[in-house]
Structures are given as C-alpha cells and as structure tokens.
Amino acid sequence: MTSTASNAASYFVDRHPGEGRGEKTAFREAGSGRTLTYRRLAEGAGRVAGALLRAGVRREERAAMIVLDTLEFPQIFLAHSSAALSRSR
C-alpha cells in the first residue's frame, strides 16, 4: 500500500478513478452479468458510508450487513471501512 492509502477502501476503490481506471470493471455479477465500475463502486460506497454516518455509526463500531451476493455487497462492505467513516469520532 502507498502512504496515502489510509484503509482498504482507499486502496482498493478510491484510488482507481483518480488513476484513470474509473470506467474499468471492478465487479461482475454472476448470472445477471451486471457490472460495477470502480467509479460507481466508489460512489456507491460513499453513499452507504454517508447513510451509516447519518444513522450514528461511528469509528470502530460494528454494523450488521445482511445482503445477497450481488453488486450491492462490495458497496456496503467497503462503505464501513471508507475514509469518511474511518475519520468519524
């Protein structure tokens, strides 16, 4: 990891759009064939992180995640370790 990567979400998601890979496929859903680009993954994780913050979830708190194995899974999973949530107090 680079020194600017503060957590998994930063390293695996946030850096890609800034490095020119925003429109590359990050995930492809088996069965449906739906795809999720790095840009859409970062946007979705950011929206979920914002919702978690508004719900009162703070740094180092646990949150339950009940979701099928779909494209929404990585967005929800990575949101919890996103930079926005990691910096909250």
PDB file of N, CA and C in Angstrom:
ATOM      1  N   MET A   1       0.827  -1.190   0.000  1.00  0.00           N
ATOM      2  CA  MET A   1       0.000   0.000   0.000  1.00  0.00           C
ATOM      3  C   MET A   1       0.865   1.244   0.000  1.00  0.00           C
ATOM      4  N   THR A   2       0.325   2.288  -0.569  1.00  0.00           N
ATOM      5  CA  THR A   2       1.061   3.536  -0.577  1.00  0.00           C
ATOM      6  C   THR A   2       0.815   4.283   0.718  1.00  0.00           C
ATOM      7  N   SER A   3       1.590   5.312   0.985  1.00  0.00           N
ATOM      8  CA  SER A   3       1.429   6.088   2.205  1.00  0.00           C
ATOM      9  C   SER A   3       0.119   6.866   2.223  1.00  0.00           C
ATOM     10  N   THR A   4      -0.473   7.123   1.072  1.00  0.00           N
ATOM     11  CA  THR A   4      -1.739   7.868   1.032  1.00  0.00           C
ATOM     12  C   THR A   4      -2.940   6.967   1.262  1.00  0.00           C
ATOM     13  N   ALA A   5      -2.740   5.665   1.240  1.00  0.00           N
ATOM     14  CA  ALA A   5      -3.851   4.742   1.448  1.00  0.00           C
ATOM     15  C   ALA A   5      -4.058   4.535   2.930  1.00  0.00           C
ATOM     16  N   SER A   6      -5.151   5.071   3.465  1.00  0.00           N
ATOM     17  CA  SER A   6      -5.380   5.008   4.899  1.00  0.00           C
ATOM     18  C   SER A   6      -6.149   3.767   5.313  1.00  0.00           C
ATOM     19  N   ASN A   7      -6.788   3.098   4.385  1.00  0.00           N
ATOM     20  CA  ASN A   7      -7.544   1.898   4.715  1.00  0.00           C
ATOM     21  C   ASN A   7      -7.824   1.106   3.444  1.00  0.00           C
ATOM     22  N   ALA A   8      -8.496  -0.032   3.622  1.00  0.00           N
ATOM     23  CA  ALA A   8      -8.757  -0.914   2.478  1.00  0.00           C
ATOM     24  C   ALA A   8      -9.588  -0.231   1.405  1.00  0.00           C
ATOM     25  N   ALA A   9     -10.609   0.525   1.810  1.00  0.00           N
ATOM     26  CA  ALA A   9     -11.463   1.194   0.822  1.00  0.00           C
ATOM     27  C   ALA A   9     -10.647   2.173  -0.025  1.00  0.00           C
ATOM     28  N   SER A  10      -9.764   2.899   0.600  1.00  0.00           N
ATOM     29  CA  SER A  10      -8.929   3.843  -0.155  1.00  0.00           C
ATOM     30  C   SER A  10      -8.059   3.116  -1.160  1.00  0.00           C
ATOM     31  N   TYR A  11      -7.440   2.036  -0.712  1.00  0.00           N
ATOM     32  CA  TYR A  11      -6.512   1.326  -1.578  1.00  0.00           C
ATOM     33  C   TYR A  11      -7.209   0.570  -2.702  1.00  0.00           C
ATOM     34  N   PHE A  12      -8.276  -0.140  -2.383  1.00  0.00           N
ATOM     35  CA  PHE A  12      -8.914  -0.994  -3.373  1.00  0.00           C
ATOM     36  C   PHE A  12      -9.962  -0.292  -4.225  1.00  0.00           C
ATOM     37  N   VAL A  13     -10.440   0.868  -3.820  1.00  0.00           N
ATOM     38  CA  VAL A  13     -11.525   1.523  -4.557  1.00  0.00           C
ATOM     39  C   VAL A  13     -11.201   2.962  -4.924  1.00  0.00           C
ATOM     40  N   ASP A  14     -11.001   3.807  -3.941  1.00  0.00           N
ATOM     41  CA  ASP A  14     -10.922   5.256  -4.159  1.00  0.00           C
ATOM     42  C   ASP A  14      -9.803   5.686  -5.100  1.00  0.00           C
ATOM     43  N   ARG A  15      -8.711   4.984  -5.103  1.00  0.00           N
ATOM     44  CA  ARG A  15      -7.568   5.423  -5.922  1.00  0.00           C
ATOM     45  C   ARG A  15      -7.774   5.180  -7.414  1.00  0.00           C
ATOM     46  N   HIS A  16      -8.565   4.197  -7.786  1.00  0.00           N
ATOM     47  CA  HIS A  16      -8.693   3.820  -9.198  1.00  0.00           C
ATOM     48  C   HIS A  16      -9.257   4.927 -10.095  1.00  0.00           C
ATOM     49  N   PRO A  17     -10.347   5.593  -9.707  1.00  0.00           N
ATOM     50  CA  PRO A  17     -10.828   6.676 -10.589  1.00  0.00           C
ATOM     51  C   PRO A  17      -9.781   7.779 -10.797  1.00  0.00           C
ATOM     52  N   GLY A  18      -9.050   8.116  -9.742  1.00  0.00           N
ATOM     53  CA  GLY A  18      -8.022   9.148  -9.848  1.00  0.00           C
ATOM     54  C   GLY A  18      -6.830   8.741 -10.680  1.00  0.00           C
ATOM     55  N   GLU A  19      -6.642   7.439 -10.840  1.00  0.00           N
ATOM     56  CA  GLU A  19      -5.526   6.925 -11.631  1.00  0.00           C
ATOM     57  C   GLU A  19      -5.961   6.498 -13.027  1.00  0.00           C
ATOM     58  N   GLY A  20      -7.158   6.932 -13.443  1.00  0.00           N
ATOM     59  CA  GLY A  20      -7.611   6.680 -14.809  1.00  0.00           C
ATOM     60  C   GLY A  20      -8.319   5.359 -15.047  1.00  0.00           C
ATOM     61  N   ARG A  21      -8.655   4.647 -13.985  1.00  0.00           N
ATOM     62  CA  ARG A  21      -9.332   3.365 -14.153  1.00  0.00           C
ATOM     63  C   ARG A  21     -10.792   3.400 -13.695  1.00  0.00           C
ATOM     64  N   GLY A  22     -11.372   4.564 -13.590  1.00  0.00           N
ATOM     65  CA  GLY A  22     -12.734   4.704 -13.089  1.00  0.00           C
ATOM     66  C   GLY A  22     -13.778   3.948 -13.876  1.00  0.00           C
ATOM     67  N   GLU A  23     -13.599   3.813 -15.181  1.00  0.00           N
ATOM     68  CA  GLU A  23     -14.597   3.137 -16.008  1.00  0.00           C
ATOM     69  C   GLU A  23     -14.287   1.654 -16.235  1.00  0.00           C
ATOM     70  N   LYS A  24     -13.225   1.167 -15.612  1.00  0.00           N
ATOM     71  CA  LYS A  24     -12.907  -0.265 -15.708  1.00  0.00           C
ATOM     72  C   LYS A  24     -13.821  -1.049 -14.775  1.00  0.00           C
ATOM     73  N   THR A  25     -14.111  -2.283 -15.145  1.00  0.00           N
ATOM     74  CA  THR A  25     -14.987  -3.129 -14.347  1.00  0.00           C
ATOM     75  C   THR A  25     -14.281  -3.581 -13.067  1.00  0.00           C
ATOM     76  N   ALA A  26     -14.923  -3.315 -11.941  1.00  0.00           N
ATOM     77  CA  ALA A  26     -14.409  -3.752 -10.644  1.00  0.00           C
ATOM     78  C   ALA A  26     -15.037  -5.086 -10.251  1.00  0.00           C
ATOM     79  N   PHE A  27     -16.338  -5.238 -10.538  1.00  0.00           N
ATOM     80  CA  PHE A  27     -17.065  -6.463 -10.214  1.00  0.00           C
ATOM     81  C   PHE A  27     -18.027  -6.800 -11.341  1.00  0.00           C
ATOM     82  N   ARG A  28     -18.201  -8.098 -11.544  1.00  0.00           N
ATOM     83  CA  ARG A  28     -19.188  -8.595 -12.497  1.00  0.00           C
ATOM     84  C   ARG A  28     -20.044  -9.605 -11.744  1.00  0.00           C
ATOM     85  N   GLU A  29     -21.352  -9.414 -11.796  1.00  0.00           N
ATOM     86  CA  GLU A  29     -22.271 -10.279 -11.073  1.00  0.00           C
ATOM     87  C   GLU A  29     -22.543 -11.557 -11.864  1.00  0.00           C
ATOM     88  N   ALA A  30     -22.298 -12.689 -11.241  1.00  0.00           N
ATOM     89  CA  ALA A  30     -22.566 -13.982 -11.890  1.00  0.00           C
ATOM     90  C   ALA A  30     -24.058 -14.120 -12.130  1.00  0.00           C
ATOM     91  N   GLY A  31     -24.418 -14.732 -13.205  1.00  0.00           N
ATOM     92  CA  GLY A  31     -25.836 -14.953 -13.521  1.00  0.00           C
ATOM     93  C   GLY A  31     -26.436 -13.812 -14.300  1.00  0.00           C
ATOM     94  N   SER A  32     -26.494 -12.620 -13.693  1.00  0.00           N
ATOM     95  CA  SER A  32     -27.130 -11.481 -14.366  1.00  0.00           C
ATOM     96  C   SER A  32     -26.195 -10.800 -15.352  1.00  0.00           C
ATOM     97  N   GLY A  33     -24.885 -10.880 -15.100  1.00  0.00           N
ATOM     98  CA  GLY A  33     -23.922 -10.209 -15.957  1.00  0.00           C
ATOM     99  C   GLY A  33     -23.777  -8.725 -15.672  1.00  0.00           C
ATOM    100  N   ARG A  34     -24.509  -8.215 -14.672  1.00  0.00           N
ATOM    101  CA  ARG A  34     -24.381  -6.798 -14.318  1.00  0.00           C
ATOM    102  C   ARG A  34     -22.943  -6.504 -13.919  1.00  0.00           C
ATOM    103  N   THR A  35     -22.489  -5.301 -14.234  1.00  0.00           N
ATOM    104  CA  THR A  35     -21.131  -4.902 -13.874  1.00  0.00           C
ATOM    105  C   THR A  35     -21.155  -3.637 -13.032  1.00  0.00           C
ATOM    106  N   LEU A  36     -20.064  -3.438 -12.318  1.00  0.00           N
ATOM    107  CA  LEU A  36     -19.896  -2.263 -11.477  1.00  0.00           C
ATOM    108  C   LEU A  36     -18.500  -1.724 -11.740  1.00  0.00           C
ATOM    109  N   THR A  37     -18.412  -0.483 -12.186  1.00  0.00           N
ATOM    110  CA  THR A  37     -17.107   0.120 -12.445  1.00  0.00           C
ATOM    111  C   THR A  37     -16.515   0.627 -11.136  1.00  0.00           C
ATOM    112  N   TYR A  38     -15.220   0.928 -11.152  1.00  0.00           N
ATOM    113  CA  TYR A  38     -14.579   1.492  -9.965  1.00  0.00           C
ATOM    114  C   TYR A  38     -15.210   2.820  -9.577  1.00  0.00           C
ATOM    115  N   ARG A  39     -15.584   3.624 -10.550  1.00  0.00           N
ATOM    116  CA  ARG A  39     -16.226   4.911 -10.250  1.00  0.00           C
ATOM    117  C   ARG A  39     -17.554   4.698  -9.539  1.00  0.00           C
ATOM    118  N   ARG A  40     -18.381   3.799 -10.094  1.00  0.00           N
ATOM    119  CA  ARG A  40     -19.684   3.528  -9.480  1.00  0.00           C
ATOM    120  C   ARG A  40     -19.538   2.852  -8.126  1.00  0.00           C
ATOM    121  N   LEU A  41     -18.518   2.022  -7.969  1.00  0.00           N
ATOM    122  CA  LEU A  41     -18.241   1.390  -6.681  1.00  0.00           C
ATOM    123  C   LEU A  41     -17.891   2.449  -5.633  1.00  0.00           C
ATOM    124  N   ALA A  42     -17.018   3.378  -5.995  1.00  0.00           N
ATOM    125  CA  ALA A  42     -16.628   4.444  -5.067  1.00  0.00           C
ATOM    126  C   ALA A  42     -17.829   5.325  -4.715  1.00  0.00           C
ATOM    127  N   GLU A  43     -18.639   5.667  -5.716  1.00  0.00           N
ATOM    128  CA  GLU A  43     -19.825   6.485  -5.458  1.00  0.00           C
ATOM    129  C   GLU A  43     -20.814   5.762  -4.544  1.00  0.00           C
ATOM    130  N   GLY A  44     -21.060   4.489  -4.833  1.00  0.00           N
ATOM    131  CA  GLY A  44     -21.999   3.707  -4.026  1.00  0.00           C
ATOM    132  C   GLY A  44     -21.515   3.528  -2.600  1.00  0.00           C
ATOM    133  N   ALA A  45     -20.228   3.217  -2.435  1.00  0.00           N
ATOM    134  CA  ALA A  45     -19.666   3.071  -1.088  1.00  0.00           C
ATOM    135  C   ALA A  45     -19.749   4.398  -0.333  1.00  0.00           C
ATOM    136  N   GLY A  46     -19.539   5.498  -1.037  1.00  0.00           N
ATOM    137  CA  GLY A  46     -19.656   6.815  -0.407  1.00  0.00           C
ATOM    138  C   GLY A  46     -21.070   7.116   0.062  1.00  0.00           C
ATOM    139  N   ARG A  47     -22.046   6.729  -0.761  1.00  0.00           N
ATOM    140  CA  ARG A  47     -23.453   6.935  -0.363  1.00  0.00           C
ATOM    141  C   ARG A  47     -23.798   6.103   0.866  1.00  0.00           C
ATOM    142  N   VAL A  48     -23.360   4.855   0.883  1.00  0.00           N
ATOM    143  CA  VAL A  48     -23.644   3.984   2.029  1.00  0.00           C
ATOM    144  C   VAL A  48     -22.915   4.499   3.267  1.00  0.00           C
ATOM    145  N   ALA A  49     -21.668   4.938   3.125  1.00  0.00           N
ATOM    146  CA  ALA A  49     -20.922   5.488   4.266  1.00  0.00           C
ATOM    147  C   ALA A  49     -21.643   6.705   4.829  1.00  0.00           C
ATOM    148  N   GLY A  50     -22.155   7.561   3.950  1.00  0.00           N
ATOM    149  CA  GLY A  50     -22.919   8.719   4.404  1.00  0.00           C
ATOM    150  C   GLY A  50     -24.169   8.313   5.174  1.00  0.00           C
ATOM    151  N   ALA A  51     -24.844   7.277   4.688  1.00  0.00           N
ATOM    152  CA  ALA A  51     -26.047   6.785   5.375  1.00  0.00           C
ATOM    153  C   ALA A  51     -25.680   6.211   6.744  1.00  0.00           C
ATOM    154  N   LEU A  52     -24.557   5.497   6.825  1.00  0.00           N
ATOM    155  CA  LEU A  52     -24.125   4.956   8.107  1.00  0.00           C
ATOM    156  C   LEU A  52     -23.806   6.083   9.093  1.00  0.00           C
ATOM    157  N   LEU A  53     -23.140   7.125   8.612  1.00  0.00           N
ATOM    158  CA  LEU A  53     -22.823   8.267   9.475  1.00  0.00           C
ATOM    159  C   LEU A  53     -24.101   8.961   9.956  1.00  0.00           C
ATOM    160  N   ARG A  54     -25.048   9.157   9.050  1.00  0.00           N
ATOM    161  CA  ARG A  54     -26.316   9.793   9.440  1.00  0.00           C
ATOM    162  C   ARG A  54     -27.091   8.940  10.432  1.00  0.00           C
ATOM    163  N   ALA A  55     -26.895   7.619  10.360  1.00  0.00           N
ATOM    164  CA  ALA A  55     -27.569   6.704  11.287  1.00  0.00           C
ATOM    165  C   ALA A  55     -26.856   6.643  12.639  1.00  0.00           C
ATOM    166  N   GLY A  56     -25.708   7.304  12.749  1.00  0.00           N
ATOM    167  CA  GLY A  56     -24.996   7.352  14.020  1.00  0.00           C
ATOM    168  C   GLY A  56     -23.879   6.343  14.181  1.00  0.00           C
ATOM    169  N   VAL A  57     -23.559   5.573  13.141  1.00  0.00           N
ATOM    170  CA  VAL A  57     -22.456   4.612  13.223  1.00  0.00           C
ATOM    171  C   VAL A  57     -21.150   5.395  13.212  1.00  0.00           C
ATOM    172  N   ARG A  58     -20.282   5.085  14.157  1.00  0.00           N
ATOM    173  CA  ARG A  58     -19.017   5.799  14.286  1.00  0.00           C
ATOM    174  C   ARG A  58     -17.839   4.835  14.193  1.00  0.00           C
ATOM    175  N   ARG A  59     -16.663   5.391  14.169  1.00  0.00           N
ATOM    176  CA  ARG A  59     -15.410   4.637  14.050  1.00  0.00           C
ATOM    177  C   ARG A  59     -15.353   3.511  15.080  1.00  0.00           C
ATOM    178  N   GLU A  60     -14.947   2.332  14.601  1.00  0.00           N
ATOM    179  CA  GLU A  60     -14.755   1.122  15.387  1.00  0.00           C
ATOM    180  C   GLU A  60     -16.046   0.539  15.956  1.00  0.00           C
ATOM    181  N   GLU A  61     -17.198   1.020  15.514  1.00  0.00           N
ATOM    182  CA  GLU A  61     -18.457   0.397  15.905  1.00  0.00           C
ATOM    183  C   GLU A  61     -18.815  -0.666  14.874  1.00  0.00           C
ATOM    184  N   ARG A  62     -19.567  -1.634  15.304  1.00  0.00           N
ATOM    185  CA  ARG A  62     -19.989  -2.705  14.400  1.00  0.00           C
ATOM    186  C   ARG A  62     -21.340  -2.369  13.794  1.00  0.00           C
ATOM    187  N   ALA A  63     -21.536  -2.863  12.586  1.00  0.00           N
ATOM    188  CA  ALA A  63     -22.823  -2.715  11.901  1.00  0.00           C
ATOM    189  C   ALA A  63     -23.130  -4.040  11.207  1.00  0.00           C
ATOM    190  N   ALA A  64     -24.350  -4.514  11.359  1.00  0.00           N
ATOM    191  CA  ALA A  64     -24.751  -5.764  10.709  1.00  0.00           C
ATOM    192  C   ALA A  64     -24.985  -5.526   9.226  1.00  0.00           C
ATOM    193  N   MET A  65     -24.635  -6.519   8.418  1.00  0.00           N
ATOM    194  CA  MET A  65     -24.817  -6.420   6.983  1.00  0.00           C
ATOM    195  C   MET A  65     -25.502  -7.699   6.517  1.00  0.00           C
ATOM    196  N   ILE A  66     -26.730  -7.583   6.086  1.00  0.00           N
ATOM    197  CA  ILE A  66     -27.465  -8.723   5.563  1.00  0.00           C
ATOM    198  C   ILE A  66     -27.782  -8.406   4.111  1.00  0.00           C
ATOM    199  N   VAL A  67     -27.088  -9.065   3.202  1.00  0.00           N
ATOM    200  CA  VAL A  67     -27.216  -8.756   1.787  1.00  0.00           C
ATOM    201  C   VAL A  67     -26.882 -10.003   0.973  1.00  0.00           C
ATOM    202  N   LEU A  68     -27.551 -10.157  -0.134  1.00  0.00           N
ATOM    203  CA  LEU A  68     -27.245 -11.260  -1.044  1.00  0.00           C
ATOM    204  C   LEU A  68     -25.914 -10.999  -1.736  1.00  0.00           C
ATOM    205  N   ASP A  69     -25.401 -12.012  -2.396  1.00  0.00           N
ATOM    206  CA  ASP A  69     -24.132 -11.902  -3.119  1.00  0.00           C
ATOM    207  C   ASP A  69     -24.396 -11.221  -4.462  1.00  0.00           C
ATOM    208  N   THR A  70     -24.609  -9.911  -4.396  1.00  0.00           N
ATOM    209  CA  THR A  70     -24.910  -9.097  -5.574  1.00  0.00           C
ATOM    210  C   THR A  70     -23.913  -7.938  -5.648  1.00  0.00           C
ATOM    211  N   LEU A  71     -24.074  -7.079  -6.632  1.00  0.00           N
ATOM    212  CA  LEU A  71     -23.181  -5.931  -6.778  1.00  0.00           C
ATOM    213  C   LEU A  71     -23.288  -4.954  -5.618  1.00  0.00           C
ATOM    214  N   GLU A  72     -24.372  -5.018  -4.859  1.00  0.00           N
ATOM    215  CA  GLU A  72     -24.522  -4.128  -3.717  1.00  0.00           C
ATOM    216  C   GLU A  72     -23.614  -4.545  -2.553  1.00  0.00           C
ATOM    217  N   PHE A  73     -23.262  -5.828  -2.495  1.00  0.00           N
ATOM    218  CA  PHE A  73     -22.410  -6.333  -1.408  1.00  0.00           C
ATOM    219  C   PHE A  73     -21.104  -5.543  -1.266  1.00  0.00           C
ATOM    220  N   PRO A  74     -20.264  -5.419  -2.306  1.00  0.00           N
ATOM    221  CA  PRO A  74     -18.989  -4.703  -2.109  1.00  0.00           C
ATOM    222  C   PRO A  74     -19.190  -3.232  -1.757  1.00  0.00           C
ATOM    223  N   GLN A  75     -20.255  -2.616  -2.242  1.00  0.00           N
ATOM    224  CA  GLN A  75     -20.506  -1.214  -1.907  1.00  0.00           C
ATOM    225  C   GLN A  75     -20.785  -1.064  -0.416  1.00  0.00           C
ATOM    226  N   ILE A  76     -21.607  -1.959   0.118  1.00  0.00           N
ATOM    227  CA  ILE A  76     -21.942  -1.905   1.543  1.00  0.00           C
ATOM    228  C   ILE A  76     -20.741  -2.299   2.390  1.00  0.00           C
ATOM    229  N   PHE A  77     -20.053  -3.356   2.007  1.00  0.00           N
ATOM    230  CA  PHE A  77     -18.895  -3.834   2.760  1.00  0.00           C
ATOM    231  C   PHE A  77     -17.797  -2.767   2.821  1.00  0.00           C
ATOM    232  N   LEU A  78     -17.463  -2.187   1.669  1.00  0.00           N
ATOM    233  CA  LEU A  78     -16.380  -1.205   1.629  1.00  0.00           C
ATOM    234  C   LEU A  78     -16.772   0.119   2.258  1.00  0.00           C
ATOM    235  N   ALA A  79     -18.050   0.410   2.326  1.00  0.00           N
ATOM    236  CA  ALA A  79     -18.504   1.665   2.947  1.00  0.00           C
ATOM    237  C   ALA A  79     -18.087   1.727   4.407  1.00  0.00           C
ATOM    238  N   HIS A  80     -18.132   0.619   5.091  1.00  0.00           N
ATOM    239  CA  HIS A  80     -17.826   0.644   6.513  1.00  0.00           C
ATOM    240  C   HIS A  80     -16.361   0.958   6.772  1.00  0.00           C
ATOM    241  N   SER A  81     -15.496   0.619   5.848  1.00  0.00           N
ATOM    242  CA  SER A  81     -14.079   0.948   6.038  1.00  0.00           C
ATOM    243  C   SER A  81     -13.659   2.165   5.217  1.00  0.00           C
ATOM    244  N   SER A  82     -14.637   2.904   4.727  1.00  0.00           N
ATOM    245  CA  SER A  82     -14.306   4.074   3.906  1.00  0.00           C
ATOM    246  C   SER A  82     -13.617   5.153   4.737  1.00  0.00           C
ATOM    247  N   ALA A  83     -12.926   6.020   4.053  1.00  0.00           N
ATOM    248  CA  ALA A  83     -12.206   7.092   4.729  1.00  0.00           C
ATOM    249  C   ALA A  83     -13.151   7.984   5.522  1.00  0.00           C
ATOM    250  N   ALA A  84     -14.325   8.261   5.003  1.00  0.00           N
ATOM    251  CA  ALA A  84     -15.281   9.135   5.708  1.00  0.00           C
ATOM    252  C   ALA A  84     -15.670   8.536   7.050  1.00  0.00           C
ATOM    253  N   LEU A  85     -15.988   7.268   7.067  1.00  0.00           N
ATOM    254  CA  LEU A  85     -16.410   6.630   8.310  1.00  0.00           C
ATOM    255  C   LEU A  85     -15.223   6.426   9.232  1.00  0.00           C
ATOM    256  N   SER A  86     -14.067   6.137   8.674  1.00  0.00           N
ATOM    257  CA  SER A  86     -12.871   5.905   9.498  1.00  0.00           C
ATOM    258  C   SER A  86     -12.436   7.156  10.226  1.00  0.00           C
ATOM    259  N   ARG A  87     -12.720   8.331   9.662  1.00  0.00           N
ATOM    260  CA  ARG A  87     -12.314   9.588  10.303  1.00  0.00           C
ATOM    261  C   ARG A  87     -13.343  10.079  11.309  1.00  0.00           C
ATOM    262  N   SER A  88     -14.527   9.457  11.354  1.00  0.00           N
ATOM    263  CA  SER A  88     -15.552   9.945  12.281  1.00  0.00           C
ATOM    264  C   SER A  88     -15.166   9.631  13.718  1.00  0.00           C
ATOM    265  N   ARG A  89     -15.740  10.350  14.629  1.00  0.00           N
ATOM    266  CA  ARG A  89     -15.458  10.141  16.069  1.00  0.00           C
ATOM    267  C   ARG A  89     -16.721   9.794  16.797  1.00  0.00           C
TER     268      ARG A  89
END
